Amino acid sequence: MNHTVPTFFTPASTNRPPNYEMLKEEHEVDVLGVPHNPAPPTSTTSVPDRVIWSLFNTLFMNFSCLGFIAFAYSVKSRDRKMVGDLTGAQAYASTAKYLNIWALILGIIMTILLIIIPILILQVYQ
């Protein structure tokens, strides 16, 4: 079986000008240097970023905007995790967790009150 390695053509060998993405990447390599860690870090500890929970609180139980703030912290936690800063990711995830807990508690209390108070008012006036 004959295995051939595909030949990759550089812009110089194709007689075409380089595209914007190639120039941008070459410029970044010149300015910033070669990436020290091109792959996302793998770790045995997983930092939960709680984005789904925050999104649920943002969309359904967003009393006093705690769900939206928790969502912002969850996204920051995910960004920190992708960069490899597990300590920062854990700090943001912890803040998002507490904000989500408070948003959930306040959302449940407000929902219960919005159901019970009209029932009590109707019973008084009947």
N, C-alpha and C. Protein backbone atom coordinates (compact mmCIF):
# COMPACT_ATOMS: atom_id res chain seq x y z
N MET A 1 0.84 -1.17 0.00
CA MET A 1 0.00 0.00 0.00
C MET A 1 0.89 1.23 0.00
N ASN A 2 0.61 2.14 -0.86
CA ASN A 2 1.44 3.33 -1.00
C ASN A 2 0.80 4.48 -0.24
N HIS A 3 1.47 4.93 0.83
CA HIS A 3 0.99 6.06 1.62
C HIS A 3 1.80 7.29 1.26
N THR A 4 1.12 8.27 0.80
CA THR A 4 1.81 9.52 0.47
C THR A 4 1.37 10.59 1.43
N VAL A 5 2.29 11.43 1.75
CA VAL A 5 2.00 12.55 2.64
C VAL A 5 1.51 13.70 1.78
N PRO A 6 0.37 14.31 2.13
CA PRO A 6 -0.13 15.42 1.31
C PRO A 6 0.82 16.61 1.39
N THR A 7 1.00 17.23 0.26
CA THR A 7 1.88 18.38 0.19
C THR A 7 1.07 19.63 0.47
N PHE A 8 1.57 20.43 1.38
CA PHE A 8 0.89 21.68 1.70
C PHE A 8 1.59 22.80 0.96
N PHE A 9 0.81 23.56 0.27
CA PHE A 9 1.36 24.64 -0.53
C PHE A 9 1.38 25.92 0.30
N THR A 10 2.48 26.58 0.27
CA THR A 10 2.58 27.87 0.93
C THR A 10 2.17 28.94 -0.07
N PRO A 11 1.81 30.13 0.39
CA PRO A 11 1.40 31.18 -0.53
C PRO A 11 2.48 31.53 -1.54
N ALA A 12 3.74 31.37 -1.20
CA ALA A 12 4.82 31.69 -2.14
C ALA A 12 4.84 30.71 -3.31
N SER A 13 4.50 29.44 -3.05
CA SER A 13 4.56 28.45 -4.11
C SER A 13 3.30 28.44 -4.98
N THR A 14 2.24 29.09 -4.57
CA THR A 14 1.01 29.08 -5.36
C THR A 14 0.85 30.35 -6.20
N ASN A 15 1.77 31.30 -6.07
CA ASN A 15 1.72 32.56 -6.80
C ASN A 15 0.45 33.36 -6.51
N ARG A 16 -0.13 33.16 -5.31
CA ARG A 16 -1.29 33.93 -4.87
C ARG A 16 -0.88 34.71 -3.64
N PRO A 17 -1.48 35.87 -3.46
CA PRO A 17 -1.15 36.62 -2.24
C PRO A 17 -1.73 35.91 -1.02
N PRO A 18 -1.07 36.03 0.14
CA PRO A 18 -1.59 35.37 1.35
C PRO A 18 -2.89 36.03 1.80
N ASN A 19 -3.74 35.24 2.39
CA ASN A 19 -5.01 35.80 2.85
C ASN A 19 -4.81 36.47 4.21
N TYR A 20 -5.86 37.15 4.64
CA TYR A 20 -5.80 37.94 5.87
C TYR A 20 -5.50 37.09 7.10
N GLU A 21 -6.13 35.90 7.18
CA GLU A 21 -5.95 35.05 8.35
C GLU A 21 -4.50 34.62 8.50
N MET A 22 -3.86 34.29 7.38
CA MET A 22 -2.47 33.86 7.45
C MET A 22 -1.57 35.01 7.89
N LEU A 23 -1.82 36.21 7.34
CA LEU A 23 -1.00 37.35 7.74
C LEU A 23 -1.20 37.69 9.21
N LYS A 24 -2.43 37.62 9.66
CA LYS A 24 -2.73 37.92 11.06
C LYS A 24 -2.03 36.91 11.98
N GLU A 25 -2.09 35.64 11.63
CA GLU A 25 -1.44 34.61 12.44
C GLU A 25 0.07 34.79 12.47
N GLU A 26 0.66 35.08 11.32
CA GLU A 26 2.10 35.31 11.29
C GLU A 26 2.48 36.54 12.12
N HIS A 27 1.65 37.59 12.06
CA HIS A 27 1.92 38.79 12.85
C HIS A 27 1.85 38.48 14.35
N GLU A 28 0.84 37.70 14.75
CA GLU A 28 0.72 37.34 16.16
C GLU A 28 1.90 36.52 16.63
N VAL A 29 2.39 35.62 15.79
CA VAL A 29 3.55 34.82 16.17
C VAL A 29 4.78 35.71 16.29
N ASP A 30 4.92 36.70 15.39
CA ASP A 30 6.06 37.60 15.46
C ASP A 30 6.00 38.47 16.72
N VAL A 31 4.82 38.98 17.03
CA VAL A 31 4.69 39.90 18.16
C VAL A 31 4.68 39.15 19.49
N LEU A 32 3.84 38.12 19.59
CA LEU A 32 3.65 37.43 20.85
C LEU A 32 4.60 36.25 21.06
N GLY A 33 5.17 35.75 19.99
CA GLY A 33 6.02 34.58 20.12
C GLY A 33 5.20 33.31 19.93
N VAL A 34 5.89 32.20 19.95
CA VAL A 34 5.24 30.92 19.78
C VAL A 34 4.42 30.61 21.03
N PRO A 35 3.21 30.09 20.89
CA PRO A 35 2.40 29.78 22.07
C PRO A 35 3.11 28.78 22.98
N HIS A 36 3.07 29.06 24.26
CA HIS A 36 3.73 28.18 25.21
C HIS A 36 2.91 26.92 25.46
N ASN A 37 1.60 27.05 25.44
CA ASN A 37 0.71 25.93 25.69
C ASN A 37 -0.42 25.99 24.68
N PRO A 38 -0.22 25.44 23.46
CA PRO A 38 -1.24 25.57 22.43
C PRO A 38 -2.51 24.78 22.73
N ALA A 39 -2.42 23.71 23.48
CA ALA A 39 -3.61 22.91 23.78
C ALA A 39 -4.19 23.33 25.12
N PRO A 40 -5.50 23.23 25.27
CA PRO A 40 -6.09 23.54 26.57
C PRO A 40 -5.54 22.59 27.63
N PRO A 41 -5.33 23.09 28.82
CA PRO A 41 -4.74 22.23 29.84
C PRO A 41 -5.69 21.12 30.26
N THR A 42 -5.12 19.97 30.48
CA THR A 42 -5.91 18.87 30.99
C THR A 42 -5.58 18.70 32.45
N SER A 43 -6.59 18.48 33.24
CA SER A 43 -6.40 18.40 34.67
C SER A 43 -7.27 17.29 35.22
N THR A 44 -6.86 16.75 36.35
CA THR A 44 -7.67 15.72 36.97
C THR A 44 -8.85 16.34 37.71
N THR A 45 -8.73 17.60 38.08
CA THR A 45 -9.84 18.27 38.75
C THR A 45 -10.64 19.06 37.73
N SER A 46 -11.94 18.93 37.83
CA SER A 46 -12.82 19.64 36.93
C SER A 46 -13.51 20.76 37.70
N VAL A 47 -13.44 21.96 37.17
CA VAL A 47 -14.08 23.10 37.80
C VAL A 47 -15.43 23.30 37.12
N PRO A 48 -16.53 23.08 37.84
CA PRO A 48 -17.84 23.30 37.22
C PRO A 48 -18.11 24.79 37.06
N ASP A 49 -18.47 25.21 35.85
CA ASP A 49 -18.66 26.64 35.62
C ASP A 49 -20.11 27.08 35.82
N ARG A 50 -21.04 26.16 35.88
CA ARG A 50 -22.45 26.43 36.21
C ARG A 50 -23.14 27.38 35.23
N VAL A 51 -22.79 27.28 33.96
CA VAL A 51 -23.38 28.16 32.95
C VAL A 51 -24.86 27.82 32.72
N ILE A 52 -25.19 26.54 32.69
CA ILE A 52 -26.57 26.13 32.42
C ILE A 52 -27.49 26.59 33.55
N TRP A 53 -27.07 26.40 34.77
CA TRP A 53 -27.87 26.83 35.93
C TRP A 53 -28.06 28.34 35.90
N SER A 54 -27.00 29.06 35.58
CA SER A 54 -27.09 30.53 35.52
C SER A 54 -28.01 30.97 34.39
N LEU A 55 -27.94 30.29 33.27
CA LEU A 55 -28.81 30.63 32.15
C LEU A 55 -30.27 30.37 32.52
N PHE A 56 -30.55 29.27 33.21
CA PHE A 56 -31.91 28.99 33.66
C PHE A 56 -32.39 30.09 34.60
N ASN A 57 -31.56 30.49 35.56
CA ASN A 57 -31.95 31.54 36.49
C ASN A 57 -32.13 32.88 35.78
N THR A 58 -31.33 33.12 34.76
CA THR A 58 -31.45 34.36 34.00
C THR A 58 -32.77 34.41 33.23
N LEU A 59 -33.13 33.30 32.60
CA LEU A 59 -34.31 33.29 31.75
C LEU A 59 -35.62 33.15 32.52
N PHE A 60 -35.63 32.38 33.60
CA PHE A 60 -36.89 32.06 34.25
C PHE A 60 -37.09 32.72 35.61
N MET A 61 -36.05 32.92 36.37
CA MET A 61 -36.19 33.46 37.72
C MET A 61 -35.26 34.63 37.92
N ASN A 62 -35.38 35.64 37.12
CA ASN A 62 -34.42 36.73 37.14
C ASN A 62 -34.89 37.89 38.01
N PHE A 63 -35.27 37.61 39.25
CA PHE A 63 -35.64 38.67 40.17
C PHE A 63 -34.38 39.36 40.64
N SER A 64 -34.38 40.65 40.59
CA SER A 64 -33.26 41.53 40.98
C SER A 64 -31.98 41.22 40.21
N CYS A 65 -32.08 40.66 39.04
CA CYS A 65 -30.97 40.42 38.11
C CYS A 65 -29.85 39.54 38.69
N LEU A 66 -30.12 38.77 39.71
CA LEU A 66 -29.09 37.88 40.24
C LEU A 66 -28.73 36.79 39.24
N GLY A 67 -29.70 36.32 38.48
CA GLY A 67 -29.42 35.29 37.48
C GLY A 67 -28.47 35.80 36.41
N PHE A 68 -28.66 37.04 35.99
CA PHE A 68 -27.78 37.60 34.96
C PHE A 68 -26.37 37.80 35.50
N ILE A 69 -26.26 38.26 36.73
CA ILE A 69 -24.93 38.45 37.34
C ILE A 69 -24.25 37.10 37.50
N ALA A 70 -25.01 36.08 37.92
CA ALA A 70 -24.45 34.73 38.04
C ALA A 70 -23.99 34.22 36.68
N PHE A 71 -24.76 34.53 35.64
CA PHE A 71 -24.37 34.12 34.28
C PHE A 71 -23.05 34.76 33.87
N ALA A 72 -22.88 36.03 34.21
CA ALA A 72 -21.62 36.72 33.88
C ALA A 72 -20.44 36.06 34.61
N TYR A 73 -20.62 35.73 35.87
CA TYR A 73 -19.55 35.06 36.62
C TYR A 73 -19.29 33.66 36.08
N SER A 74 -20.32 32.97 35.62
CA SER A 74 -20.15 31.64 35.04
C SER A 74 -19.33 31.71 33.76
N VAL A 75 -19.60 32.71 32.94
CA VAL A 75 -18.84 32.87 31.70
C VAL A 75 -17.38 33.22 32.03
N LYS A 76 -17.18 34.07 33.02
CA LYS A 76 -15.81 34.38 33.44
C LYS A 76 -15.10 33.12 33.95
N SER A 77 -15.82 32.28 34.67
CA SER A 77 -15.24 31.04 35.16
C SER A 77 -14.84 30.14 34.00
N ARG A 78 -15.71 30.05 33.00
CA ARG A 78 -15.38 29.22 31.83
C ARG A 78 -14.17 29.79 31.08
N ASP A 79 -14.10 31.10 30.96
CA ASP A 79 -12.94 31.72 30.30
C ASP A 79 -11.65 31.43 31.06
N ARG A 80 -11.68 31.56 32.36
CA ARG A 80 -10.50 31.29 33.19
C ARG A 80 -10.08 29.83 33.06
N LYS A 81 -11.07 28.93 32.99
CA LYS A 81 -10.76 27.50 32.86
C LYS A 81 -10.11 27.22 31.51
N MET A 82 -10.58 27.89 30.46
CA MET A 82 -9.99 27.67 29.14
C MET A 82 -8.58 28.21 29.03
N VAL A 83 -8.29 29.26 29.78
CA VAL A 83 -6.94 29.84 29.78
C VAL A 83 -5.99 28.97 30.58
N GLY A 84 -6.54 28.22 31.55
CA GLY A 84 -5.71 27.36 32.38
C GLY A 84 -5.56 27.84 33.80
N ASP A 85 -6.24 28.92 34.15
CA ASP A 85 -6.20 29.47 35.50
C ASP A 85 -7.29 28.81 36.33
N LEU A 86 -6.97 27.65 36.92
CA LEU A 86 -7.97 26.90 37.66
C LEU A 86 -8.34 27.58 38.97
N THR A 87 -7.42 28.30 39.58
CA THR A 87 -7.73 29.01 40.82
C THR A 87 -8.74 30.13 40.56
N GLY A 88 -8.50 30.91 39.52
CA GLY A 88 -9.43 31.97 39.15
C GLY A 88 -10.77 31.40 38.72
N ALA A 89 -10.75 30.29 37.99
CA ALA A 89 -12.00 29.65 37.56
C ALA A 89 -12.79 29.18 38.76
N GLN A 90 -12.10 28.62 39.76
CA GLN A 90 -12.80 28.16 40.96
C GLN A 90 -13.42 29.32 41.73
N ALA A 91 -12.71 30.45 41.79
CA ALA A 91 -13.23 31.62 42.50
C ALA A 91 -14.49 32.16 41.82
N TYR A 92 -14.44 32.30 40.49
CA TYR A 92 -15.61 32.78 39.76
C TYR A 92 -16.77 31.78 39.85
N ALA A 93 -16.45 30.47 39.77
CA ALA A 93 -17.50 29.45 39.85
C ALA A 93 -18.16 29.45 41.23
N SER A 94 -17.38 29.69 42.28
CA SER A 94 -17.94 29.74 43.62
C SER A 94 -18.89 30.93 43.76
N THR A 95 -18.48 32.08 43.24
CA THR A 95 -19.36 33.25 43.27
C THR A 95 -20.64 33.00 42.48
N ALA A 96 -20.50 32.39 41.30
CA ALA A 96 -21.67 32.07 40.48
C ALA A 96 -22.59 31.10 41.21
N LYS A 97 -22.01 30.14 41.94
CA LYS A 97 -22.82 29.17 42.68
C LYS A 97 -23.67 29.88 43.74
N TYR A 98 -23.05 30.75 44.53
CA TYR A 98 -23.80 31.44 45.58
C TYR A 98 -24.85 32.38 45.00
N LEU A 99 -24.52 33.06 43.91
CA LEU A 99 -25.53 33.92 43.27
C LEU A 99 -26.68 33.10 42.71
N ASN A 100 -26.38 31.93 42.16
CA ASN A 100 -27.44 31.06 41.65
C ASN A 100 -28.33 30.54 42.78
N ILE A 101 -27.71 30.20 43.91
CA ILE A 101 -28.50 29.74 45.05
C ILE A 101 -29.45 30.83 45.51
N TRP A 102 -28.94 32.05 45.64
CA TRP A 102 -29.79 33.16 46.08
C TRP A 102 -30.86 33.48 45.05
N ALA A 103 -30.51 33.43 43.77
CA ALA A 103 -31.51 33.69 42.73
C ALA A 103 -32.60 32.64 42.76
N LEU A 104 -32.23 31.38 42.99
CA LEU A 104 -33.21 30.31 43.05
C LEU A 104 -34.11 30.46 44.27
N ILE A 105 -33.53 30.75 45.42
CA ILE A 105 -34.32 30.92 46.64
C ILE A 105 -35.30 32.09 46.50
N LEU A 106 -34.78 33.22 46.04
CA LEU A 106 -35.65 34.39 45.87
C LEU A 106 -36.72 34.15 44.80
N GLY A 107 -36.35 33.44 43.75
CA GLY A 107 -37.32 33.13 42.71
C GLY A 107 -38.43 32.23 43.21
N ILE A 108 -38.09 31.24 44.01
CA ILE A 108 -39.11 30.34 44.56
C ILE A 108 -40.01 31.10 45.53
N ILE A 109 -39.40 31.90 46.41
CA ILE A 109 -40.19 32.68 47.37
C ILE A 109 -41.13 33.64 46.64
N MET A 110 -40.63 34.34 45.64
CA MET A 110 -41.47 35.29 44.90
C MET A 110 -42.58 34.58 44.15
N THR A 111 -42.30 33.41 43.59
CA THR A 111 -43.33 32.65 42.88
C THR A 111 -44.42 32.20 43.85
N ILE A 112 -44.02 31.70 45.01
CA ILE A 112 -45.00 31.28 46.02
C ILE A 112 -45.83 32.48 46.47
N LEU A 113 -45.18 33.60 46.72
CA LEU A 113 -45.93 34.79 47.15
C LEU A 113 -46.87 35.29 46.07
N LEU A 114 -46.46 35.21 44.82
CA LEU A 114 -47.33 35.65 43.74
C LEU A 114 -48.53 34.73 43.55
N ILE A 115 -48.46 33.52 44.07
CA ILE A 115 -49.60 32.61 44.00
C ILE A 115 -50.47 32.76 45.25
N ILE A 116 -49.84 32.83 46.41
CA ILE A 116 -50.59 32.84 47.68
C ILE A 116 -51.28 34.18 47.94
N ILE A 117 -50.62 35.30 47.70
CA ILE A 117 -51.19 36.61 48.02
C ILE A 117 -52.48 36.88 47.26
N PRO A 118 -52.56 36.64 45.95
CA PRO A 118 -53.86 36.86 45.28
C PRO A 118 -54.96 35.94 45.80
N ILE A 119 -54.62 34.70 46.17
CA ILE A 119 -55.63 33.79 46.72
C ILE A 119 -56.15 34.33 48.05
N LEU A 120 -55.25 34.80 48.90
CA LEU A 120 -55.66 35.35 50.19
C LEU A 120 -56.50 36.61 50.01
N ILE A 121 -56.14 37.43 49.07
CA ILE A 121 -56.90 38.67 48.81
C ILE A 121 -58.30 38.32 48.31
N LEU A 122 -58.40 37.36 47.42
CA LEU A 122 -59.71 36.95 46.92
C LEU A 122 -60.58 36.36 48.02
N GLN A 123 -59.98 35.62 48.95
CA GLN A 123 -60.76 35.04 50.05
C GLN A 123 -61.27 36.11 51.01
N VAL A 124 -60.50 37.17 51.20
CA VAL A 124 -60.92 38.22 52.11
C VAL A 124 -62.10 38.99 51.53
N TYR A 125 -62.11 39.26 50.25
CA TYR A 125 -63.16 40.06 49.63
C TYR A 125 -64.38 39.26 49.22
N GLN A 126 -64.44 37.99 49.45
CA GLN A 126 -65.62 37.20 49.09
C GLN A 126 -66.52 36.99 50.26
